[in-house]
PDB file of N, CA and C in Angstrom:
ATOM      1  N   LYS A   1      -7.430 195.193  97.466  1.00  0.00           N
ATOM      2  CA  LYS A   1      -6.097 195.282  98.037  1.00  0.00           C
ATOM      3  C   LYS A   1      -6.110 196.185  99.268  1.00  0.00           C
ATOM      4  N   GLU A   2      -6.791 197.314  99.180  1.00  0.00           N
ATOM      5  CA  GLU A   2      -6.842 198.252 100.306  1.00  0.00           C
ATOM      6  C   GLU A   2      -7.576 197.645 101.496  1.00  0.00           C
ATOM      7  N   ALA A   3      -8.629 196.892 101.227  1.00  0.00           N
ATOM      8  CA  ALA A   3      -9.385 196.253 102.310  1.00  0.00           C
ATOM      9  C   ALA A   3      -8.513 195.232 103.031  1.00  0.00           C
ATOM     10  N   LEU A   4      -7.703 194.509 102.277  1.00  0.00           N
ATOM     11  CA  LEU A   4      -6.797 193.523 102.875  1.00  0.00           C
ATOM     12  C   LEU A   4      -5.754 194.201 103.754  1.00  0.00           C
ATOM     13  N   VAL A   5      -5.214 195.318 103.298  1.00  0.00           N
ATOM     14  CA  VAL A   5      -4.224 196.061 104.079  1.00  0.00           C
ATOM     15  C   VAL A   5      -4.865 196.565 105.367  1.00  0.00           C
ATOM     16  N   GLU A   6      -6.073 197.084 105.288  1.00  0.00           N
ATOM     17  CA  GLU A   6      -6.760 197.570 106.485  1.00  0.00           C
ATOM     18  C   GLU A   6      -7.049 196.431 107.457  1.00  0.00           C
ATOM     19  N   ARG A   7      -7.437 195.301 106.936  1.00  0.00           N
ATOM     20  CA  ARG A   7      -7.705 194.130 107.787  1.00  0.00           C
ATOM     21  C   ARG A   7      -6.424 193.660 108.472  1.00  0.00           C
ATOM     22  N   LEU A   8      -5.343 193.682 107.738  1.00  0.00           N
ATOM     23  CA  LEU A   8      -4.049 193.307 108.287  1.00  0.00           C
ATOM     24  C   LEU A   8      -3.648 194.265 109.408  1.00  0.00           C
ATOM     25  N   LYS A   9      -3.837 195.556 109.181  1.00  0.00           N
ATOM     26  CA  LYS A   9      -3.541 196.556 110.220  1.00  0.00           C
ATOM     27  C   LYS A   9      -4.332 196.263 111.487  1.00  0.00           C
ATOM     28  N   GLU A  10      -5.608 195.968 111.291  1.00  0.00           N
ATOM     29  CA  GLU A  10      -6.508 195.702 112.408  1.00  0.00           C
ATOM     30  C   GLU A  10      -6.055 194.477 113.213  1.00  0.00           C
ATOM     31  N   LYS A  11      -5.694 193.410 112.525  1.00  0.00           N
ATOM     32  CA  LYS A  11      -5.308 192.155 113.185  1.00  0.00           C
ATOM     33  C   LYS A  11      -3.944 192.232 113.864  1.00  0.00           C
ATOM     34  N   MET A  12      -3.021 193.015 113.298  1.00  0.00           N
ATOM     35  CA  MET A  12      -1.641 192.988 113.770  1.00  0.00           C
ATOM     36  C   MET A  12      -1.253 194.173 114.655  1.00  0.00           C
ATOM     37  N   LYS A  13      -2.107 195.137 114.786  1.00  0.00           N
ATOM     38  CA  LYS A  13      -1.790 196.349 115.550  1.00  0.00           C
ATOM     39  C   LYS A  13      -1.320 195.982 116.957  1.00  0.00           C
ATOM     40  N   GLY A  14      -0.104 196.435 117.297  1.00  0.00           N
ATOM     41  CA  GLY A  14       0.440 196.226 118.636  1.00  0.00           C
ATOM     42  C   GLY A  14       0.980 194.834 118.902  1.00  0.00           C
ATOM     43  N   LYS A  15       0.968 193.948 117.903  1.00  0.00           N
ATOM     44  CA  LYS A  15       1.460 192.579 118.090  1.00  0.00           C
ATOM     45  C   LYS A  15       2.845 192.426 117.487  1.00  0.00           C
ATOM     46  N   LYS A  16       3.603 191.512 118.025  1.00  0.00           N
ATOM     47  CA  LYS A  16       4.916 191.186 117.488  1.00  0.00           C
ATOM     48  C   LYS A  16       4.721 190.105 116.421  1.00  0.00           C
ATOM     49  N   PHE A  17       5.474 190.205 115.311  1.00  0.00           N
ATOM     50  CA  PHE A  17       5.252 189.241 114.245  1.00  0.00           C
ATOM     51  C   PHE A  17       6.514 188.937 113.449  1.00  0.00           C
ATOM     52  N   LEU A  18       6.492 187.774 112.826  1.00  0.00           N
ATOM     53  CA  LEU A  18       7.444 187.371 111.794  1.00  0.00           C
ATOM     54  C   LEU A  18       6.576 187.065 110.586  1.00  0.00           C
ATOM     55  N   LEU A  19       6.697 187.854 109.548  1.00  0.00           N
ATOM     56  CA  LEU A  19       5.914 187.663 108.334  1.00  0.00           C
ATOM     57  C   LEU A  19       6.818 187.044 107.280  1.00  0.00           C
ATOM     58  N   VAL A  20       6.426 185.889 106.749  1.00  0.00           N
ATOM     59  CA  VAL A  20       7.202 185.211 105.717  1.00  0.00           C
ATOM     60  C   VAL A  20       6.450 185.318 104.403  1.00  0.00           C
ATOM     61  N   LEU A  21       7.086 185.951 103.429  1.00  0.00           N
ATOM     62  CA  LEU A  21       6.550 186.037 102.071  1.00  0.00           C
ATOM     63  C   LEU A  21       7.424 185.126 101.226  1.00  0.00           C
ATOM     64  N   ASP A  22       6.919 183.953 100.921  1.00  0.00           N
ATOM     65  CA  ASP A  22       7.716 182.922 100.272  1.00  0.00           C
ATOM     66  C   ASP A  22       7.501 182.900  98.763  1.00  0.00           C
ATOM     67  N   ASP A  23       8.604 182.774  98.032  1.00  0.00           N
ATOM     68  CA  ASP A  23       8.595 182.632  96.569  1.00  0.00           C
ATOM     69  C   ASP A  23       7.900 183.813  95.886  1.00  0.00           C
ATOM     70  N   VAL A  24       8.327 185.019  96.238  1.00  0.00           N
ATOM     71  CA  VAL A  24       7.758 186.247  95.685  1.00  0.00           C
ATOM     72  C   VAL A  24       8.254 186.444  94.252  1.00  0.00           C
ATOM     73  N   TRP A  25       7.349 186.822  93.374  1.00  0.00           N
ATOM     74  CA  TRP A  25       7.674 187.052  91.972  1.00  0.00           C
ATOM     75  C   TRP A  25       7.662 188.545  91.675  1.00  0.00           C
ATOM     76  N   GLY A  26       8.136 188.938  90.523  1.00  0.00           N
ATOM     77  CA  GLY A  26       8.227 190.334  90.126  1.00  0.00           C
ATOM     78  C   GLY A  26       6.897 191.053  90.117  1.00  0.00           C
ATOM     79  N   THR A  27       5.809 190.321  89.966  1.00  0.00           N
ATOM     80  CA  THR A  27       4.487 190.942  89.930  1.00  0.00           C
ATOM     81  C   THR A  27       4.070 191.483  91.292  1.00  0.00           C
ATOM     82  N   PHE A  28       4.805 191.153  92.349  1.00  0.00           N
ATOM     83  CA  PHE A  28       4.488 191.599  93.698  1.00  0.00           C
ATOM     84  C   PHE A  28       4.893 193.054  93.933  1.00  0.00           C
ATOM     85  N   ARG A  29       5.739 193.593  93.087  1.00  0.00           N
ATOM     86  CA  ARG A  29       6.289 194.944  93.284  1.00  0.00           C
ATOM     87  C   ARG A  29       5.224 195.991  93.549  1.00  0.00           C
ATOM     88  N   GLY A  30       4.143 195.969  92.809  1.00  0.00           N
ATOM     89  CA  GLY A  30       3.089 196.964  92.977  1.00  0.00           C
ATOM     90  C   GLY A  30       2.363 196.850  94.307  1.00  0.00           C
ATOM     91  N   SER A  31       2.374 195.664  94.892  1.00  0.00           N
ATOM     92  CA  SER A  31       1.693 195.446  96.167  1.00  0.00           C
ATOM     93  C   SER A  31       2.598 195.718  97.360  1.00  0.00           C
ATOM     94  N   TRP A  32       3.903 195.780  97.150  1.00  0.00           N
ATOM     95  CA  TRP A  32       4.831 195.901  98.254  1.00  0.00           C
ATOM     96  C   TRP A  32       4.715 197.235  98.989  1.00  0.00           C
ATOM     97  N   GLU A  33       4.604 198.323  98.270  1.00  0.00           N
ATOM     98  CA  GLU A  33       4.597 199.642  98.921  1.00  0.00           C
ATOM     99  C   GLU A  33       3.444 199.793  99.918  1.00  0.00           C
ATOM    100  N   PRO A  34       2.189 199.482  99.535  1.00  0.00           N
ATOM    101  CA  PRO A  34       1.105 199.585 100.530  1.00  0.00           C
ATOM    102  C   PRO A  34       1.301 198.638 101.714  1.00  0.00           C
ATOM    103  N   LEU A  35       1.817 197.438 101.445  1.00  0.00           N
ATOM    104  CA  LEU A  35       2.060 196.479 102.521  1.00  0.00           C
ATOM    105  C   LEU A  35       3.157 196.980 103.448  1.00  0.00           C
ATOM    106  N   LYS A  36       4.209 197.545 102.883  1.00  0.00           N
ATOM    107  CA  LYS A  36       5.319 198.076 103.684  1.00  0.00           C
ATOM    108  C   LYS A  36       4.826 199.191 104.603  1.00  0.00           C
ATOM    109  N   VAL A  37       4.014 200.080 104.071  1.00  0.00           N
ATOM    110  CA  VAL A  37       3.462 201.167 104.877  1.00  0.00           C
ATOM    111  C   VAL A  37       2.595 200.598 106.003  1.00  0.00           C
ATOM    112  N   CYS A  38       1.796 199.594 105.663  1.00  0.00           N
ATOM    113  CA  CYS A  38       0.937 198.949 106.662  1.00  0.00           C
ATOM    114  C   CYS A  38       1.779 198.322 107.768  1.00  0.00           C
ATOM    115  N   LEU A  39       2.830 197.614 107.406  1.00  0.00           N
ATOM    116  CA  LEU A  39       3.683 196.960 108.399  1.00  0.00           C
ATOM    117  C   LEU A  39       4.364 197.987 109.292  1.00  0.00           C
ATOM    118  N   HIS A  40       4.771 199.087 108.707  1.00  0.00           N
ATOM    119  CA  HIS A  40       5.385 200.145 109.503  1.00  0.00           C
ATOM    120  C   HIS A  40       4.356 200.720 110.482  1.00  0.00           C
ATOM    121  N   ASP A  41       3.137 200.912 110.015  1.00  0.00           N
ATOM    122  CA  ASP A  41       2.076 201.473 110.863  1.00  0.00           C
ATOM    123  C   ASP A  41       1.727 200.554 112.035  1.00  0.00           C
ATOM    124  N   VAL A  42       1.799 199.244 111.834  1.00  0.00           N
ATOM    125  CA  VAL A  42       1.405 198.321 112.904  1.00  0.00           C
ATOM    126  C   VAL A  42       2.529 198.013 113.877  1.00  0.00           C
ATOM    127  N   GLY A  43       3.714 198.542 113.628  1.00  0.00           N
ATOM    128  CA  GLY A  43       4.731 198.370 114.658  1.00  0.00           C
ATOM    129  C   GLY A  43       6.095 197.951 114.191  1.00  0.00           C
ATOM    130  N   ALA A  44       6.706 198.729 113.324  1.00  0.00           N
ATOM    131  CA  ALA A  44       8.040 198.399 112.846  1.00  0.00           C
ATOM    132  C   ALA A  44       9.070 198.441 113.968  1.00  0.00           C
ATOM    133  N   SER A  45       8.804 199.213 115.019  1.00  0.00           N
ATOM    134  CA  SER A  45       9.804 199.375 116.075  1.00  0.00           C
ATOM    135  C   SER A  45       9.705 198.308 117.154  1.00  0.00           C
ATOM    136  N   LYS A  46       8.839 197.341 117.009  1.00  0.00           N
ATOM    137  CA  LYS A  46       8.627 196.345 118.042  1.00  0.00           C
ATOM    138  C   LYS A  46       9.447 195.073 117.834  1.00  0.00           C
ATOM    139  N   GLY A  47      10.465 195.112 117.011  1.00  0.00           N
ATOM    140  CA  GLY A  47      11.281 193.924 116.773  1.00  0.00           C
ATOM    141  C   GLY A  47      10.660 192.962 115.783  1.00  0.00           C
ATOM    142  N   ASN A  48       9.771 193.444 114.959  1.00  0.00           N
ATOM    143  CA  ASN A  48       9.122 192.602 113.962  1.00  0.00           C
ATOM    144  C   ASN A  48      10.051 192.354 112.780  1.00  0.00           C
ATOM    145  N   THR A  49       9.795 191.252 112.086  1.00  0.00           N
ATOM    146  CA  THR A  49      10.649 190.873 110.970  1.00  0.00           C
ATOM    147  C   THR A  49       9.811 190.446 109.778  1.00  0.00           C
ATOM    148  N   VAL A  50      10.264 190.827 108.595  1.00  0.00           N
ATOM    149  CA  VAL A  50       9.664 190.355 107.351  1.00  0.00           C
ATOM    150  C   VAL A  50      10.748 189.582 106.614  1.00  0.00           C
ATOM    151  N   LEU A  51      10.476 188.317 106.331  1.00  0.00           N
ATOM    152  CA  LEU A  51      11.405 187.450 105.609  1.00  0.00           C
ATOM    153  C   LEU A  51      10.804 187.195 104.233  1.00  0.00           C
ATOM    154  N   VAL A  52      11.558 187.542 103.195  1.00  0.00           N
ATOM    155  CA  VAL A  52      11.071 187.391 101.821  1.00  0.00           C
ATOM    156  C   VAL A  52      11.996 186.443 101.084  1.00  0.00           C
ATOM    157  N   THR A  53      11.414 185.460 100.422  1.00  0.00           N
ATOM    158  CA  THR A  53      12.209 184.571  99.579  1.00  0.00           C
ATOM    159  C   THR A  53      11.771 184.745  98.136  1.00  0.00           C
ATOM    160  N   SER A  54      12.739 184.634  97.230  1.00  0.00           N
ATOM    161  CA  SER A  54      12.437 184.745  95.810  1.00  0.00           C
ATOM    162  C   SER A  54      13.549 184.101  95.017  1.00  0.00           C
ATOM    163  N   ARG A  55      13.198 183.544  93.896  1.00  0.00           N
ATOM    164  CA  ARG A  55      14.202 183.029  92.970  1.00  0.00           C
ATOM    165  C   ARG A  55      14.657 184.125  92.019  1.00  0.00           C
ATOM    166  N   ILE A  56      14.005 185.275  92.088  1.00  0.00           N
ATOM    167  CA  ILE A  56      14.281 186.370  91.168  1.00  0.00           C
ATOM    168  C   ILE A  56      15.005 187.478  91.929  1.00  0.00           C
ATOM    169  N   ARG A  57      16.290 187.608  91.694  1.00  0.00           N
ATOM    170  CA  ARG A  57      17.124 188.554  92.435  1.00  0.00           C
ATOM    171  C   ARG A  57      16.593 189.979  92.354  1.00  0.00           C
ATOM    172  N   ASN A  58      16.141 190.424  91.186  1.00  0.00           N
ATOM    173  CA  ASN A  58      15.659 191.797  91.023  1.00  0.00           C
ATOM    174  C   ASN A  58      14.417 192.086  91.862  1.00  0.00           C
ATOM    175  N   THR A  59      13.625 191.056  92.137  1.00  0.00           N
ATOM    176  CA  THR A  59      12.427 191.252  92.954  1.00  0.00           C
ATOM    177  C   THR A  59      12.811 191.705  94.353  1.00  0.00           C
ATOM    178  N   LEU A  60      13.793 191.048  94.945  1.00  0.00           N
ATOM    179  CA  LEU A  60      14.221 191.416  96.295  1.00  0.00           C
ATOM    180  C   LEU A  60      14.859 192.795  96.301  1.00  0.00           C
ATOM    181  N   GLY A  61      15.678 193.068  95.304  1.00  0.00           N
ATOM    182  CA  GLY A  61      16.334 194.370  95.227  1.00  0.00           C
ATOM    183  C   GLY A  61      15.342 195.508  95.129  1.00  0.00           C
ATOM    184  N   SER A  62      14.238 195.284  94.432  1.00  0.00           N
ATOM    185  CA  SER A  62      13.243 196.350  94.272  1.00  0.00           C
ATOM    186  C   SER A  62      12.427 196.574  95.543  1.00  0.00           C
ATOM    187  N   MET A  63      12.469 195.637  96.475  1.00  0.00           N
ATOM    188  CA  MET A  63      11.724 195.773  97.716  1.00  0.00           C
ATOM    189  C   MET A  63      12.493 196.566  98.761  1.00  0.00           C
ATOM    190  N   ILE A  64      13.786 196.748  98.559  1.00  0.00           N
ATOM    191  CA  ILE A  64      14.603 197.506  99.499  1.00  0.00           C
ATOM    192  C   ILE A  64      14.448 198.982  99.184  1.00  0.00           C
ATOM    193  N   THR A  65      14.062 199.709 100.182  1.00  0.00           N
ATOM    194  CA  THR A  65      13.973 201.156 100.023  1.00  0.00           C
ATOM    195  C   THR A  65      14.795 201.792 101.127  1.00  0.00           C
ATOM    196  N   PRO A  66      15.528 202.842 100.805  1.00  0.00           N
ATOM    197  CA  PRO A  66      16.355 203.463 101.845  1.00  0.00           C
ATOM    198  C   PRO A  66      15.499 204.064 102.940  1.00  0.00           C
ATOM    199  N   SER A  67      15.909 203.846 104.174  1.00  0.00           N
ATOM    200  CA  SER A  67      15.214 204.445 105.308  1.00  0.00           C
ATOM    201  C   SER A  67      15.689 205.884 105.436  1.00  0.00           C
ATOM    202  N   SER A  68      14.764 206.789 105.476  1.00  0.00           N
ATOM    203  CA  SER A  68      15.151 208.184 105.632  1.00  0.00           C
ATOM    204  C   SER A  68      14.124 208.902 106.481  1.00  0.00           C
ATOM    205  N   GLY A  69      14.598 209.840 107.249  1.00  0.00           N
ATOM    206  CA  GLY A  69      13.712 210.621 108.096  1.00  0.00           C
ATOM    207  C   GLY A  69      13.512 209.962 109.447  1.00  0.00           C
ATOM    208  N   PRO A  70      13.095 210.732 110.425  1.00  0.00           N
ATOM    209  CA  PRO A  70      12.950 210.220 111.784  1.00  0.00           C
ATOM    210  C   PRO A  70      11.907 209.118 111.926  1.00  0.00           C
ATOM    211  N   GLU A  71      10.911 209.099 111.044  1.00  0.00           N
ATOM    212  CA  GLU A  71       9.886 208.056 111.151  1.00  0.00           C
ATOM    213  C   GLU A  71      10.414 206.686 110.755  1.00  0.00           C
ATOM    214  N   HIS A  72      11.582 206.620 110.117  1.00  0.00           N
ATOM    215  CA  HIS A  72      12.148 205.344 109.692  1.00  0.00           C
ATOM    216  C   HIS A  72      13.400 204.970 110.457  1.00  0.00           C
ATOM    217  N   ASP A  73      13.788 205.728 111.468  1.00  0.00           N
ATOM    218  CA  ASP A  73      15.003 205.449 112.212  1.00  0.00           C
ATOM    219  C   ASP A  73      14.967 204.109 112.932  1.00  0.00           C
ATOM    220  N   ASP A  74      13.766 203.589 113.193  1.00  0.00           N
ATOM    221  CA  ASP A  74      13.653 202.356 113.942  1.00  0.00           C
ATOM    222  C   ASP A  74      13.700 201.110 113.051  1.00  0.00           C
ATOM    223  N   LEU A  75      13.812 201.273 111.739  1.00  0.00           N
ATOM    224  CA  LEU A  75      13.852 200.135 110.832  1.00  0.00           C
ATOM    225  C   LEU A  75      15.275 199.622 110.673  1.00  0.00           C
ATOM    226  N   ASP A  76      15.433 198.306 110.749  1.00  0.00           N
ATOM    227  CA  ASP A  76      16.739 197.716 110.519  1.00  0.00           C
ATOM    228  C   ASP A  76      17.055 197.745 109.035  1.00  0.00           C
ATOM    229  N   ALA A  77      18.342 197.798 108.737  1.00  0.00           N
ATOM    230  CA  ALA A  77      18.768 197.750 107.341  1.00  0.00           C
ATOM    231  C   ALA A  77      18.451 196.367 106.783  1.00  0.00           C
ATOM    232  N   PRO A  78      17.964 196.292 105.567  1.00  0.00           N
ATOM    233  CA  PRO A  78      17.634 194.993 104.971  1.00  0.00           C
ATOM    234  C   PRO A  78      18.898 194.190 104.674  1.00  0.00           C
ATOM    235  N   CYS A  79      18.727 192.903 104.644  1.00  0.00           N
ATOM    236  CA  CYS A  79      19.842 192.005 104.361  1.00  0.00           C
ATOM    237  C   CYS A  79      19.380 190.993 103.318  1.00  0.00           C
ATOM    238  N   ILE A  80      20.147 190.867 102.256  1.00  0.00           N
ATOM    239  CA  ILE A  80      19.842 189.861 101.239  1.00  0.00           C
ATOM    240  C   ILE A  80      20.908 188.777 101.335  1.00  0.00           C
ATOM    241  N   TYR A  81      20.468 187.543 101.482  1.00  0.00           N
ATOM    242  CA  TYR A  81      21.372 186.402 101.550  1.00  0.00           C
ATOM    243  C   TYR A  81      21.091 185.517 100.352  1.00  0.00           C
ATOM    244  N   HIS A  82      22.091 185.317  99.535  1.00  0.00           N
ATOM    245  CA  HIS A  82      21.938 184.491  98.335  1.00  0.00           C
ATOM    246  C   HIS A  82      22.313 183.047  98.668  1.00  0.00           C
ATOM    247  N   LEU A  83      21.358 182.157  98.521  1.00  0.00           N
ATOM    248  CA  LEU A  83      21.610 180.744  98.772  1.00  0.00           C
ATOM    249  C   LEU A  83      22.261 180.110  97.554  1.00  0.00           C
ATOM    250  N   GLY A  84      23.180 179.232  97.806  1.00  0.00           N
ATOM    251  CA  GLY A  84      23.804 178.483  96.720  1.00  0.00           C
ATOM    252  C   GLY A  84      22.931 177.305  96.311  1.00  0.00           C
ATOM    253  N   THR A  85      23.389 176.603  95.325  1.00  0.00           N
ATOM    254  CA  THR A  85      22.662 175.420  94.874  1.00  0.00           C
ATOM    255  C   THR A  85      23.237 174.182  95.556  1.00  0.00           C
ATOM    256  N   LEU A  86      22.485 173.109  95.508  1.00  0.00           N
ATOM    257  CA  LEU A  86      22.945 171.848  96.068  1.00  0.00           C
ATOM    258  C   LEU A  86      23.883 171.144  95.094  1.00  0.00           C
ATOM    259  N   SER A  87      24.826 170.422  95.646  1.00  0.00           N
ATOM    260  CA  SER A  87      25.692 169.602  94.798  1.00  0.00           C
ATOM    261  C   SER A  87      24.855 168.451  94.233  1.00  0.00           C
ATOM    262  N   GLU A  88      25.389 167.777  93.252  1.00  0.00           N
ATOM    263  CA  GLU A  88      24.668 166.640  92.662  1.00  0.00           C
ATOM    264  C   GLU A  88      24.413 165.566  93.722  1.00  0.00           C
ATOM    265  N   GLY A  89      25.429 165.316  94.560  1.00  0.00           N
ATOM    266  CA  GLY A  89      25.282 164.314  95.620  1.00  0.00           C
ATOM    267  C   GLY A  89      24.238 164.706  96.657  1.00  0.00           C
ATOM    268  N   ASP A  90      24.249 165.984  97.068  1.00  0.00           N
ATOM    269  CA  ASP A  90      23.250 166.454  98.036  1.00  0.00           C
ATOM    270  C   ASP A  90      21.847 166.441  97.440  1.00  0.00           C
ATOM    271  N   SER A  91      21.750 166.786  96.166  1.00  0.00           N
ATOM    272  CA  SER A  91      20.446 166.741  95.490  1.00  0.00           C
ATOM    273  C   SER A  91      19.897 165.317  95.483  1.00  0.00           C
ATOM    274  N   TRP A  92      20.760 164.368  95.163  1.00  0.00           N
ATOM    275  CA  TRP A  92      20.345 162.964  95.117  1.00  0.00           C
ATOM    276  C   TRP A  92      19.948 162.473  96.510  1.00  0.00           C
ATOM    277  N   SER A  93      20.703 162.861  97.515  1.00  0.00           N
ATOM    278  CA  SER A  93      20.403 162.455  98.889  1.00  0.00           C
ATOM    279  C   SER A  93      19.036 162.986  99.327  1.00  0.00           C
ATOM    280  N   LEU A  94      18.780 164.243  99.059  1.00  0.00           N
ATOM    281  CA  LEU A  94      17.486 164.839  99.402  1.00  0.00           C
ATOM    282  C   LEU A  94      16.358 164.158  98.631  1.00  0.00           C
ATOM    283  N   PHE A  95      16.583 163.937  97.352  1.00  0.00           N
ATOM    284  CA  PHE A  95      15.583 163.306  96.502  1.00  0.00           C
ATOM    285  C   PHE A  95      15.234 161.911  97.002  1.00  0.00           C
ATOM    286  N   THR A  96      16.247 161.116  97.337  1.00  0.00           N
ATOM    287  CA  THR A  96      15.980 159.744  97.791  1.00  0.00           C
ATOM    288  C   THR A  96      15.290 159.723  99.152  1.00  0.00           C
ATOM    289  N   ARG A  97      15.578 160.718  99.994  1.00  0.00           N
ATOM    290  CA  ARG A  97      14.874 160.798 101.279  1.00  0.00           C
ATOM    291  C   ARG A  97      13.399 161.115 101.069  1.00  0.00           C
ATOM    292  N   CYS A  98      13.110 161.968 100.100  1.00  0.00           N
ATOM    293  CA  CYS A  98      11.712 162.351  99.847  1.00  0.00           C
ATOM    294  C   CYS A  98      10.938 161.269  99.110  1.00  0.00           C
ATOM    295  N   VAL A  99      11.582 160.648  98.135  1.00  0.00           N
ATOM    296  CA  VAL A  99      10.911 159.652  97.294  1.00  0.00           C
ATOM    297  C   VAL A  99      10.943 158.266  97.932  1.00  0.00           C
ATOM    298  N   GLY A 100      12.016 157.977  98.632  1.00  0.00           N
ATOM    299  CA  GLY A 100      12.195 156.646  99.223  1.00  0.00           C
ATOM    300  C   GLY A 100      13.065 155.789  98.318  1.00  0.00           C
ATOM    301  N   LYS A 101      14.098 155.211  98.895  1.00  0.00           N
ATOM    302  CA  LYS A 101      15.037 154.394  98.096  1.00  0.00           C
ATOM    303  C   LYS A 101      14.358 153.204  97.449  1.00  0.00           C
ATOM    304  N   THR A 102      13.360 152.636  98.112  1.00  0.00           N
ATOM    305  CA  THR A 102      12.690 151.461  97.540  1.00  0.00           C
ATOM    306  C   THR A 102      11.948 151.819  96.252  1.00  0.00           C
ATOM    307  N   ASN A 103      11.518 153.067  96.131  1.00  0.00           N
ATOM    308  CA  ASN A 103      10.820 153.498  94.913  1.00  0.00           C
ATOM    309  C   ASN A 103      11.783 153.721  93.753  1.00  0.00           C
ATOM    310  N   LEU A 104      13.098 153.695  94.040  1.00  0.00           N
ATOM    311  CA  LEU A 104      14.094 153.914  92.999  1.00  0.00           C
ATOM    312  C   LEU A 104      14.928 152.661  92.735  1.00  0.00           C
ATOM    313  N   SER A 105      14.430 151.516  93.170  1.00  0.00           N
ATOM    314  CA  SER A 105      15.196 150.272  93.014  1.00  0.00           C
ATOM    315  C   SER A 105      15.298 149.836  91.554  1.00  0.00           C
ATOM    316  N   ASN A 106      14.384 150.253  90.738  1.00  0.00           N
ATOM    317  CA  ASN A 106      14.415 149.952  89.307  1.00  0.00           C
ATOM    318  C   ASN A 106      15.417 150.916  88.651  1.00  0.00           C
ATOM    319  N   PRO A 107      16.416 150.401  87.896  1.00  0.00           N
ATOM    320  CA  PRO A 107      17.412 151.284  87.271  1.00  0.00           C
ATOM    321  C   PRO A 107      16.809 152.342  86.352  1.00  0.00           C
ATOM    322  N   MET A 108      15.698 152.034  85.707  1.00  0.00           N
ATOM    323  CA  MET A 108      15.063 153.007  84.817  1.00  0.00           C
ATOM    324  C   MET A 108      14.509 154.185  85.639  1.00  0.00           C
ATOM    325  N   LYS A 109      13.901 153.884  86.778  1.00  0.00           N
ATOM    326  CA  LYS A 109      13.362 154.944  87.633  1.00  0.00           C
ATOM    327  C   LYS A 109      14.499 155.790  88.216  1.00  0.00           C
ATOM    328  N   GLU A 110      15.589 155.129  88.602  1.00  0.00           N
ATOM    329  CA  GLU A 110      16.731 155.878  89.134  1.00  0.00           C
ATOM    330  C   GLU A 110      17.290 156.817  88.071  1.00  0.00           C
ATOM    331  N   ASN A 111      17.402 156.323  86.848  1.00  0.00           N
ATOM    332  CA  ASN A 111      17.904 157.150  85.749  1.00  0.00           C
ATOM    333  C   ASN A 111      16.982 158.342  85.496  1.00  0.00           C
ATOM    334  N   MET A 112      15.674 158.114  85.551  1.00  0.00           N
ATOM    335  CA  MET A 112      14.710 159.209  85.365  1.00  0.00           C
ATOM    336  C   MET A 112      14.872 160.248  86.476  1.00  0.00           C
ATOM    337  N   GLY A 113      15.057 159.781  87.704  1.00  0.00           N
ATOM    338  CA  GLY A 113      15.240 160.689  88.830  1.00  0.00           C
ATOM    339  C   GLY A 113      16.497 161.523  88.675  1.00  0.00           C
ATOM    340  N   ARG A 114      17.601 160.898  88.286  1.00  0.00           N
ATOM    341  CA  ARG A 114      18.862 161.619  88.117  1.00  0.00           C
ATOM    342  C   ARG A 114      18.771 162.630  86.961  1.00  0.00           C
ATOM    343  N   THR A 115      18.077 162.254  85.894  1.00  0.00           N
ATOM    344  CA  THR A 115      17.884 163.170  84.767  1.00  0.00           C
ATOM    345  C   THR A 115      17.071 164.390  85.211  1.00  0.00           C
ATOM    346  N   MET A 116      16.031 164.138  85.972  1.00  0.00           N
ATOM    347  CA  MET A 116      15.193 165.222  86.464  1.00  0.00           C
ATOM    348  C   MET A 116      16.008 166.155  87.376  1.00  0.00           C
ATOM    349  N   LEU A 117      16.840 165.607  88.241  1.00  0.00           N
ATOM    350  CA  LEU A 117      17.650 166.417  89.138  1.00  0.00           C
ATOM    351  C   LEU A 117      18.657 167.268  88.392  1.00  0.00           C
ATOM    352  N   ARG A 118      19.219 166.729  87.318  1.00  0.00           N
ATOM    353  CA  ARG A 118      20.165 167.529  86.509  1.00  0.00           C
ATOM    354  C   ARG A 118      19.450 168.745  85.918  1.00  0.00           C
ATOM    355  N   LYS A 119      18.205 168.566  85.516  1.00  0.00           N
ATOM    356  CA  LYS A 119      17.431 169.688  84.966  1.00  0.00           C
ATOM    357  C   LYS A 119      17.127 170.745  86.032  1.00  0.00           C
ATOM    358  N   CYS A 120      17.045 170.314  87.292  1.00  0.00           N
ATOM    359  CA  CYS A 120      16.790 171.274  88.383  1.00  0.00           C
ATOM    360  C   CYS A 120      18.043 172.089  88.729  1.00  0.00           C
ATOM    361  N   GLU A 121      19.195 171.646  88.287  1.00  0.00           N
ATOM    362  CA  GLU A 121      20.470 172.361  88.463  1.00  0.00           C
ATOM    363  C   GLU A 121      20.756 172.735  89.920  1.00  0.00           C
ATOM    364  N   GLY A 122      20.463 171.807  90.832  1.00  0.00           N
ATOM    365  CA  GLY A 122      20.807 172.024  92.233  1.00  0.00           C
ATOM    366  C   GLY A 122      19.824 172.863  93.017  1.00  0.00           C
ATOM    367  N   VAL A 123      18.693 173.201  92.417  1.00  0.00           N
ATOM    368  CA  VAL A 123      17.678 174.002  93.116  1.00  0.00           C
ATOM    369  C   VAL A 123      16.550 173.052  93.529  1.00  0.00           C
ATOM    370  N   PRO A 124      16.393 172.831  94.844  1.00  0.00           N
ATOM    371  CA  PRO A 124      15.385 171.853  95.321  1.00  0.00           C
ATOM    372  C   PRO A 124      13.987 172.448  95.412  1.00  0.00           C
ATOM    373  N   LEU A 125      13.359 172.724  94.294  1.00  0.00           N
ATOM    374  CA  LEU A 125      12.054 173.376  94.305  1.00  0.00           C
ATOM    375  C   LEU A 125      10.895 172.420  94.467  1.00  0.00           C
ATOM    376  N   ALA A 126      10.965 171.287  93.816  1.00  0.00           N
ATOM    377  CA  ALA A 126       9.855 170.362  93.872  1.00  0.00           C
ATOM    378  C   ALA A 126      10.111 169.352  94.948  1.00  0.00           C
TER     379      ALA A 126
END
């Protein structure tokens, strides 16, 4: 883990970046602090952004740490945006675009697709 952080520092030093951490789980908590320190060291004041997505609300909340002291004055306040779920109609529309309407021409396949979407409860994960 430490070698990865050092390598990241080396590659990103002085560069502007947008880092996307997608679908972060609760097990990431222990890795966040060293990564956060590394990101701050490589240039938090250069307009860099870290975008984190997670289905687990507590994971995002645990990643927010209050900025304190002059060394953190250049950090923007974190923002958490909670996405809503898709309606049944929007879920079906997205599903048919991905699968193709011709693949759902059989009523049994359409029924299977609609059943699967109900189980997803409006969350387009797959």
